[in-house]
Protein backbone atom coordinates (compact mmCIF):
# COMPACT_ATOMS: atom_id res chain seq x y z
CA UNK A 1 -0.06 -0.02 0.19
CA UNK A 2 2.62 2.53 0.80
CA UNK A 3 4.32 1.64 -2.58
CA UNK A 4 1.01 2.48 -4.40
CA UNK A 5 0.74 5.99 -1.99
CA UNK A 6 4.56 6.95 -3.12
CA UNK A 7 3.79 6.45 -6.54
CA UNK A 8 0.58 8.75 -6.52
CA UNK A 9 2.66 11.18 -4.55
CA UNK A 10 5.47 11.22 -7.42
CA UNK A 11 2.72 11.60 -10.02
CA UNK A 12 1.19 14.20 -8.36
CA UNK A 13 4.78 16.12 -7.69
CA UNK A 14 4.87 15.42 -11.55
CA UNK A 15 1.94 16.91 -12.38
CA UNK A 16 2.54 19.97 -10.42
CA UNK A 17 5.67 20.45 -12.22
CA UNK A 18 4.40 20.21 -15.50
CA UNK A 19 1.36 22.48 -14.44
CA UNK A 20 3.80 25.18 -13.64
CA UNK A 21 6.31 25.03 -16.61
CA UNK A 22 2.66 25.12 -19.14
CA UNK A 23 1.95 28.25 -16.99
CA UNK A 24 5.14 29.85 -17.70
CA UNK A 25 5.21 29.08 -21.24
CA UNK A 26 1.33 30.40 -21.39
CA UNK A 27 2.08 33.49 -19.84
CA UNK A 28 5.17 33.80 -22.40
CA UNK A 29 2.54 33.35 -25.27
CA UNK A 30 0.62 36.17 -23.89
CA UNK A 31 3.37 38.41 -23.30
CA UNK A 32 4.52 37.75 -27.02
CA UNK A 33 0.96 38.15 -28.55
CA UNK A 34 0.47 41.46 -26.69
CA UNK A 35 3.91 43.02 -27.36
CA UNK A 36 3.22 41.73 -31.35
CA UNK A 37 -0.48 43.56 -31.01
CA UNK A 38 1.21 46.58 -29.78
CA UNK A 39 4.00 46.58 -32.30
CA UNK A 40 1.53 45.82 -35.05
CA UNK A 41 -0.56 48.88 -34.30
CA UNK A 42 2.42 51.24 -33.55
CA UNK A 43 3.51 50.41 -37.42
CA UNK A 44 0.47 51.21 -38.75
CA UNK A 45 0.53 54.61 -36.61
CA UNK A 46 3.76 55.21 -37.90
CA UNK A 47 2.44 54.57 -41.61
CA UNK A 48 -0.65 56.79 -41.35
CA UNK A 49 1.28 59.41 -39.84
CA UNK A 50 4.09 59.47 -42.24
CA UNK A 51 1.21 59.49 -45.00
CA UNK A 52 -0.44 62.54 -43.55
CA UNK A 53 2.87 64.14 -43.17
CA UNK A 54 4.07 63.44 -46.69
CA UNK A 55 0.53 64.63 -48.04
CA UNK A 56 1.01 67.82 -45.97
CA UNK A 57 4.64 68.55 -46.75
CA UNK A 58 3.93 68.05 -50.43
CA UNK A 59 0.36 69.77 -50.99
CA UNK A 60 1.63 73.10 -51.85
CA UNK A 61 3.78 71.31 -54.72
CA UNK A 62 1.09 69.32 -56.10
CA UNK A 63 -1.27 72.52 -55.71
CA UNK A 64 1.21 74.61 -58.26
CA UNK A 65 1.49 71.39 -60.54
CA UNK A 66 -2.41 71.30 -61.03
CA UNK A 67 -2.75 74.94 -61.38
CA UNK A 68 -0.01 74.84 -64.15
CA UNK A 69 -2.28 72.02 -65.69
CA UNK A 70 -5.18 74.31 -65.65
CA UNK A 71 -3.13 76.81 -67.44
CA UNK A 72 -1.87 74.65 -69.77
CA UNK A 73 -5.61 73.51 -70.45
CA UNK A 74 -6.61 77.03 -70.87
CA UNK A 75 -4.18 77.75 -73.20
CA UNK A 76 -4.56 74.91 -74.97
CA UNK A 77 -8.48 75.81 -75.53
CA UNK A 78 -7.51 79.54 -76.46
CA UNK A 79 -5.37 78.05 -78.98
CA UNK A 80 -7.77 76.11 -80.56
CA UNK A 81 -10.15 79.14 -80.75
CA UNK A 82 -7.63 80.94 -83.01
CA UNK A 83 -7.52 77.99 -85.31
CA UNK A 84 -9.57 78.13 -88.13
CA UNK A 85 -11.99 75.16 -88.38
């Protein structure tokens, strides 16, 4: 009978050790998932911020190019008005 009790105690010890090891692994996985999620959100924020900054930085130049394009279109229409049909 004592032999069986000792075997059961050893099985319980192993079970507790495995449970503690699994708990450490699980906490590591959760921490890794949280860090991954945070880094992904940070990366998205950087991309959105860079896009907005680029748009605001280049907006005056884009407006100049669009104004030049509109002027060229107006000149083309005026030139077509001078040509006989």
